[in-house]
Amino acid sequence: MVMKKKLNSKMRDILLVIHRKSGSMTAHEIARETGMSYVTVRKYLKLLKLKGVLIEDGNKKINKKSS
């Protein structure tokens, strides 16, 4: 299944926080940094993982997908 939905402002905010921190973050840390609720962050992280933009390690830490 190919997702063609473009990035919205919340997705961009999440990606900016992850990029600025330059490391793995939990969804709770991302929520705290963005001011979004944890549930909202998880929703957008799931979409970003499906798009292949982010990866999640075994410890539930989120990171940018390496090129």
PDB file of N, CA and C in Angstrom:
ATOM      1  N   MET A   1       0.832  -1.175   0.000  1.00  0.00           N
ATOM      2  CA  MET A   1       0.000   0.000   0.000  1.00  0.00           C
ATOM      3  C   MET A   1       0.882   1.246   0.000  1.00  0.00           C
ATOM      4  N   VAL A   2       0.712   2.092  -0.976  1.00  0.00           N
ATOM      5  CA  VAL A   2       1.501   3.306  -1.094  1.00  0.00           C
ATOM      6  C   VAL A   2       0.684   4.480  -0.588  1.00  0.00           C
ATOM      7  N   MET A   3       1.255   5.226   0.346  1.00  0.00           N
ATOM      8  CA  MET A   3       0.565   6.388   0.889  1.00  0.00           C
ATOM      9  C   MET A   3       1.051   7.631   0.161  1.00  0.00           C
ATOM     10  N   LYS A   4       0.127   8.443  -0.337  1.00  0.00           N
ATOM     11  CA  LYS A   4       0.496   9.626  -1.079  1.00  0.00           C
ATOM     12  C   LYS A   4       0.182  10.909  -0.327  1.00  0.00           C
ATOM     13  N   LYS A   5      -0.294  10.805   0.891  1.00  0.00           N
ATOM     14  CA  LYS A   5      -0.643  11.979   1.675  1.00  0.00           C
ATOM     15  C   LYS A   5       0.609  12.791   1.969  1.00  0.00           C
ATOM     16  N   LYS A   6       0.509  14.102   1.750  1.00  0.00           N
ATOM     17  CA  LYS A   6       1.641  14.991   2.021  1.00  0.00           C
ATOM     18  C   LYS A   6       1.773  15.237   3.513  1.00  0.00           C
ATOM     19  N   LEU A   7       2.918  15.770   3.905  1.00  0.00           N
ATOM     20  CA  LEU A   7       3.149  16.079   5.308  1.00  0.00           C
ATOM     21  C   LEU A   7       2.324  17.291   5.710  1.00  0.00           C
ATOM     22  N   ASN A   8       1.652  17.185   6.848  1.00  0.00           N
ATOM     23  CA  ASN A   8       0.929  18.346   7.361  1.00  0.00           C
ATOM     24  C   ASN A   8       1.802  19.045   8.406  1.00  0.00           C
ATOM     25  N   SER A   9       1.297  20.124   8.971  1.00  0.00           N
ATOM     26  CA  SER A   9       2.098  20.925   9.904  1.00  0.00           C
ATOM     27  C   SER A   9       2.494  20.135  11.156  1.00  0.00           C
ATOM     28  N   LYS A  10       1.630  19.258  11.635  1.00  0.00           N
ATOM     29  CA  LYS A  10       1.969  18.475  12.833  1.00  0.00           C
ATOM     30  C   LYS A  10       3.093  17.481  12.530  1.00  0.00           C
ATOM     31  N   MET A  11       3.039  16.878  11.350  1.00  0.00           N
ATOM     32  CA  MET A  11       4.114  15.960  10.959  1.00  0.00           C
ATOM     33  C   MET A  11       5.432  16.716  10.833  1.00  0.00           C
ATOM     34  N   ARG A  12       5.389  17.889  10.242  1.00  0.00           N
ATOM     35  CA  ARG A  12       6.614  18.693  10.109  1.00  0.00           C
ATOM     36  C   ARG A  12       7.160  19.073  11.476  1.00  0.00           C
ATOM     37  N   ASP A  13       6.273  19.449  12.414  1.00  0.00           N
ATOM     38  CA  ASP A  13       6.720  19.798  13.767  1.00  0.00           C
ATOM     39  C   ASP A  13       7.413  18.613  14.437  1.00  0.00           C
ATOM     40  N   ILE A  14       6.849  17.435  14.285  1.00  0.00           N
ATOM     41  CA  ILE A  14       7.446  16.226  14.865  1.00  0.00           C
ATOM     42  C   ILE A  14       8.820  15.974  14.258  1.00  0.00           C
ATOM     43  N   LEU A  15       8.910  16.072  12.940  1.00  0.00           N
ATOM     44  CA  LEU A  15      10.191  15.832  12.272  1.00  0.00           C
ATOM     45  C   LEU A  15      11.239  16.871  12.669  1.00  0.00           C
ATOM     46  N   LEU A  16      10.822  18.121  12.839  1.00  0.00           N
ATOM     47  CA  LEU A  16      11.755  19.162  13.268  1.00  0.00           C
ATOM     48  C   LEU A  16      12.319  18.881  14.656  1.00  0.00           C
ATOM     49  N   VAL A  17      11.470  18.440  15.571  1.00  0.00           N
ATOM     50  CA  VAL A  17      11.924  18.125  16.934  1.00  0.00           C
ATOM     51  C   VAL A  17      12.923  16.973  16.896  1.00  0.00           C
ATOM     52  N   ILE A  18      12.603  15.935  16.156  1.00  0.00           N
ATOM     53  CA  ILE A  18      13.510  14.777  16.064  1.00  0.00           C
ATOM     54  C   ILE A  18      14.834  15.193  15.427  1.00  0.00           C
ATOM     55  N   HIS A  19      14.755  16.012  14.409  1.00  0.00           N
ATOM     56  CA  HIS A  19      15.978  16.477  13.728  1.00  0.00           C
ATOM     57  C   HIS A  19      16.833  17.338  14.666  1.00  0.00           C
ATOM     58  N   ARG A  20      16.202  18.245  15.403  1.00  0.00           N
ATOM     59  CA  ARG A  20      16.945  19.118  16.325  1.00  0.00           C
ATOM     60  C   ARG A  20      17.623  18.335  17.433  1.00  0.00           C
ATOM     61  N   LYS A  21      16.977  17.299  17.911  1.00  0.00           N
ATOM     62  CA  LYS A  21      17.555  16.503  19.000  1.00  0.00           C
ATOM     63  C   LYS A  21      18.634  15.542  18.503  1.00  0.00           C
ATOM     64  N   SER A  22      18.667  15.282  17.208  1.00  0.00           N
ATOM     65  CA  SER A  22      19.689  14.426  16.592  1.00  0.00           C
ATOM     66  C   SER A  22      19.856  13.084  17.290  1.00  0.00           C
ATOM     67  N   GLY A  23      18.781  12.481  17.663  1.00  0.00           N
ATOM     68  CA  GLY A  23      18.866  11.180  18.300  1.00  0.00           C
ATOM     69  C   GLY A  23      17.503  10.560  18.455  1.00  0.00           C
ATOM     70  N   SER A  24      17.480   9.396  19.030  1.00  0.00           N
ATOM     71  CA  SER A  24      16.221   8.695  19.246  1.00  0.00           C
ATOM     72  C   SER A  24      15.436   9.353  20.366  1.00  0.00           C
ATOM     73  N   MET A  25      14.127   9.407  20.189  1.00  0.00           N
ATOM     74  CA  MET A  25      13.245   9.985  21.197  1.00  0.00           C
ATOM     75  C   MET A  25      12.028   9.086  21.365  1.00  0.00           C
ATOM     76  N   THR A  26      11.449   9.107  22.545  1.00  0.00           N
ATOM     77  CA  THR A  26      10.197   8.391  22.753  1.00  0.00           C
ATOM     78  C   THR A  26       9.043   9.288  22.332  1.00  0.00           C
ATOM     79  N   ALA A  27       7.885   8.693  22.155  1.00  0.00           N
ATOM     80  CA  ALA A  27       6.692   9.470  21.806  1.00  0.00           C
ATOM     81  C   ALA A  27       6.360  10.470  22.913  1.00  0.00           C
ATOM     82  N   HIS A  28       6.610  10.098  24.163  1.00  0.00           N
ATOM     83  CA  HIS A  28       6.357  11.013  25.280  1.00  0.00           C
ATOM     84  C   HIS A  28       7.279  12.227  25.201  1.00  0.00           C
ATOM     85  N   GLU A  29       8.546  12.006  24.872  1.00  0.00           N
ATOM     86  CA  GLU A  29       9.489  13.117  24.734  1.00  0.00           C
ATOM     87  C   GLU A  29       9.084  14.036  23.583  1.00  0.00           C
ATOM     88  N   ILE A  30       8.659  13.448  22.483  1.00  0.00           N
ATOM     89  CA  ILE A  30       8.229  14.239  21.325  1.00  0.00           C
ATOM     90  C   ILE A  30       6.991  15.047  21.685  1.00  0.00           C
ATOM     91  N   ALA A  31       6.049  14.440  22.389  1.00  0.00           N
ATOM     92  CA  ALA A  31       4.839  15.149  22.809  1.00  0.00           C
ATOM     93  C   ALA A  31       5.188  16.341  23.695  1.00  0.00           C
ATOM     94  N   ARG A  32       6.096  16.132  24.617  1.00  0.00           N
ATOM     95  CA  ARG A  32       6.515  17.205  25.521  1.00  0.00           C
ATOM     96  C   ARG A  32       7.167  18.352  24.744  1.00  0.00           C
ATOM     97  N   GLU A  33       8.032  18.011  23.797  1.00  0.00           N
ATOM     98  CA  GLU A  33       8.750  19.031  23.014  1.00  0.00           C
ATOM     99  C   GLU A  33       7.843  19.791  22.049  1.00  0.00           C
ATOM    100  N   THR A  34       6.843  19.126  21.480  1.00  0.00           N
ATOM    101  CA  THR A  34       5.969  19.764  20.500  1.00  0.00           C
ATOM    102  C   THR A  34       4.751  20.428  21.131  1.00  0.00           C
ATOM    103  N   GLY A  35       4.391  20.013  22.349  1.00  0.00           N
ATOM    104  CA  GLY A  35       3.192  20.525  22.982  1.00  0.00           C
ATOM    105  C   GLY A  35       1.931  19.802  22.516  1.00  0.00           C
ATOM    106  N   MET A  36       2.106  18.761  21.720  1.00  0.00           N
ATOM    107  CA  MET A  36       0.968  17.950  21.265  1.00  0.00           C
ATOM    108  C   MET A  36       0.674  16.879  22.305  1.00  0.00           C
ATOM    109  N   SER A  37      -0.519  16.330  22.253  1.00  0.00           N
ATOM    110  CA  SER A  37      -0.841  15.233  23.159  1.00  0.00           C
ATOM    111  C   SER A  37      -0.099  13.972  22.706  1.00  0.00           C
ATOM    112  N   TYR A  38       0.093  13.066  23.649  1.00  0.00           N
ATOM    113  CA  TYR A  38       0.761  11.796  23.345  1.00  0.00           C
ATOM    114  C   TYR A  38      -0.003  11.035  22.266  1.00  0.00           C
ATOM    115  N   VAL A  39      -1.344  11.018  22.364  1.00  0.00           N
ATOM    116  CA  VAL A  39      -2.166  10.287  21.398  1.00  0.00           C
ATOM    117  C   VAL A  39      -1.990  10.870  19.987  1.00  0.00           C
ATOM    118  N   THR A  40      -1.955  12.188  19.888  1.00  0.00           N
ATOM    119  CA  THR A  40      -1.754  12.836  18.591  1.00  0.00           C
ATOM    120  C   THR A  40      -0.388  12.491  18.023  1.00  0.00           C
ATOM    121  N   VAL A  41       0.630  12.545  18.863  1.00  0.00           N
ATOM    122  CA  VAL A  41       1.982  12.219  18.417  1.00  0.00           C
ATOM    123  C   VAL A  41       2.045  10.784  17.911  1.00  0.00           C
ATOM    124  N   ARG A  42       1.465   9.832  18.654  1.00  0.00           N
ATOM    125  CA  ARG A  42       1.482   8.422  18.224  1.00  0.00           C
ATOM    126  C   ARG A  42       0.796   8.254  16.872  1.00  0.00           C
ATOM    127  N   LYS A  43      -0.312   8.963  16.677  1.00  0.00           N
ATOM    128  CA  LYS A  43      -1.049   8.894  15.411  1.00  0.00           C
ATOM    129  C   LYS A  43      -0.158   9.323  14.246  1.00  0.00           C
ATOM    130  N   TYR A  44       0.518  10.450  14.407  1.00  0.00           N
ATOM    131  CA  TYR A  44       1.361  10.946  13.323  1.00  0.00           C
ATOM    132  C   TYR A  44       2.652  10.143  13.172  1.00  0.00           C
ATOM    133  N   LEU A  45       3.180   9.617  14.259  1.00  0.00           N
ATOM    134  CA  LEU A  45       4.359   8.761  14.152  1.00  0.00           C
ATOM    135  C   LEU A  45       4.037   7.505  13.350  1.00  0.00           C
ATOM    136  N   LYS A  46       2.857   6.959  13.585  1.00  0.00           N
ATOM    137  CA  LYS A  46       2.436   5.773  12.834  1.00  0.00           C
ATOM    138  C   LYS A  46       2.393   6.081  11.342  1.00  0.00           C
ATOM    139  N   LEU A  47       1.817   7.223  10.985  1.00  0.00           N
ATOM    140  CA  LEU A  47       1.754   7.613   9.563  1.00  0.00           C
ATOM    141  C   LEU A  47       3.147   7.824   8.981  1.00  0.00           C
ATOM    142  N   LEU A  48       4.025   8.467   9.743  1.00  0.00           N
ATOM    143  CA  LEU A  48       5.381   8.718   9.257  1.00  0.00           C
ATOM    144  C   LEU A  48       6.183   7.419   9.112  1.00  0.00           C
ATOM    145  N   LYS A  49       5.914   6.460   9.996  1.00  0.00           N
ATOM    146  CA  LYS A  49       6.571   5.151   9.860  1.00  0.00           C
ATOM    147  C   LYS A  49       6.058   4.424   8.618  1.00  0.00           C
ATOM    148  N   LEU A  50       4.758   4.510   8.361  1.00  0.00           N
ATOM    149  CA  LEU A  50       4.194   3.883   7.157  1.00  0.00           C
ATOM    150  C   LEU A  50       4.747   4.502   5.884  1.00  0.00           C
ATOM    151  N   LYS A  51       5.029   5.805   5.926  1.00  0.00           N
ATOM    152  CA  LYS A  51       5.603   6.494   4.774  1.00  0.00           C
ATOM    153  C   LYS A  51       7.090   6.145   4.601  1.00  0.00           C
ATOM    154  N   GLY A  52       7.686   5.523   5.613  1.00  0.00           N
ATOM    155  CA  GLY A  52       9.098   5.166   5.535  1.00  0.00           C
ATOM    156  C   GLY A  52      10.032   6.294   5.921  1.00  0.00           C
ATOM    157  N   VAL A  53       9.493   7.329   6.581  1.00  0.00           N
ATOM    158  CA  VAL A  53      10.291   8.485   6.982  1.00  0.00           C
ATOM    159  C   VAL A  53      10.995   8.237   8.309  1.00  0.00           C
ATOM    160  N   LEU A  54      10.324   7.520   9.216  1.00  0.00           N
ATOM    161  CA  LEU A  54      10.856   7.243  10.544  1.00  0.00           C
ATOM    162  C   LEU A  54      10.920   5.743  10.794  1.00  0.00           C
ATOM    163  N   ILE A  55      11.757   5.386  11.749  1.00  0.00           N
ATOM    164  CA  ILE A  55      11.822   3.998  12.195  1.00  0.00           C
ATOM    165  C   ILE A  55      11.665   3.982  13.713  1.00  0.00           C
ATOM    166  N   GLU A  56      11.249   2.850  14.246  1.00  0.00           N
ATOM    167  CA  GLU A  56      11.102   2.678  15.688  1.00  0.00           C
ATOM    168  C   GLU A  56      11.926   1.468  16.095  1.00  0.00           C
ATOM    169  N   ASP A  57      12.803   1.674  17.088  1.00  0.00           N
ATOM    170  CA  ASP A  57      13.625   0.547  17.521  1.00  0.00           C
ATOM    171  C   ASP A  57      12.873  -0.306  18.540  1.00  0.00           C
ATOM    172  N   GLY A  58      13.490  -1.332  19.029  1.00  0.00           N
ATOM    173  CA  GLY A  58      12.854  -2.255  19.965  1.00  0.00           C
ATOM    174  C   GLY A  58      12.511  -1.637  21.301  1.00  0.00           C
ATOM    175  N   ASN A  59      13.106  -0.485  21.614  1.00  0.00           N
ATOM    176  CA  ASN A  59      12.845   0.193  22.884  1.00  0.00           C
ATOM    177  C   ASN A  59      11.810   1.305  22.740  1.00  0.00           C
ATOM    178  N   LYS A  60      11.052   1.278  21.638  1.00  0.00           N
ATOM    179  CA  LYS A  60      10.010   2.282  21.364  1.00  0.00           C
ATOM    180  C   LYS A  60      10.586   3.678  21.187  1.00  0.00           C
ATOM    181  N   LYS A  61      11.839   3.752  20.747  1.00  0.00           N
ATOM    182  CA  LYS A  61      12.447   5.045  20.448  1.00  0.00           C
ATOM    183  C   LYS A  61      12.306   5.302  18.962  1.00  0.00           C
ATOM    184  N   ILE A  62      12.017   6.536  18.608  1.00  0.00           N
ATOM    185  CA  ILE A  62      11.792   6.937  17.223  1.00  0.00           C
ATOM    186  C   ILE A  62      13.043   7.637  16.722  1.00  0.00           C
ATOM    187  N   ASN A  63      13.381   7.392  15.473  1.00  0.00           N
ATOM    188  CA  ASN A  63      14.536   8.032  14.865  1.00  0.00           C
ATOM    189  C   ASN A  63      14.280   8.232  13.391  1.00  0.00           C
ATOM    190  N   LYS A  64      15.039   9.148  12.797  1.00  0.00           N
ATOM    191  CA  LYS A  64      14.953   9.346  11.358  1.00  0.00           C
ATOM    192  C   LYS A  64      15.483   8.100  10.661  1.00  0.00           C
ATOM    193  N   LYS A  65      14.901   7.791   9.544  1.00  0.00           N
ATOM    194  CA  LYS A  65      15.392   6.673   8.757  1.00  0.00           C
ATOM    195  C   LYS A  65      16.690   7.109   8.092  1.00  0.00           C
ATOM    196  N   SER A  66      17.739   6.311   8.248  1.00  0.00           N
ATOM    197  CA  SER A  66      19.019   6.680   7.636  1.00  0.00           C
ATOM    198  C   SER A  66      18.966   6.395   6.145  1.00  0.00           C
ATOM    199  N   SER A  67      19.571   7.291   5.397  1.00  0.00           N
ATOM    200  CA  SER A  67      19.537   7.192   3.930  1.00  0.00           C
ATOM    201  C   SER A  67      20.523   6.191   3.404  1.00  0.00           C
TER     202      SER A  67
END
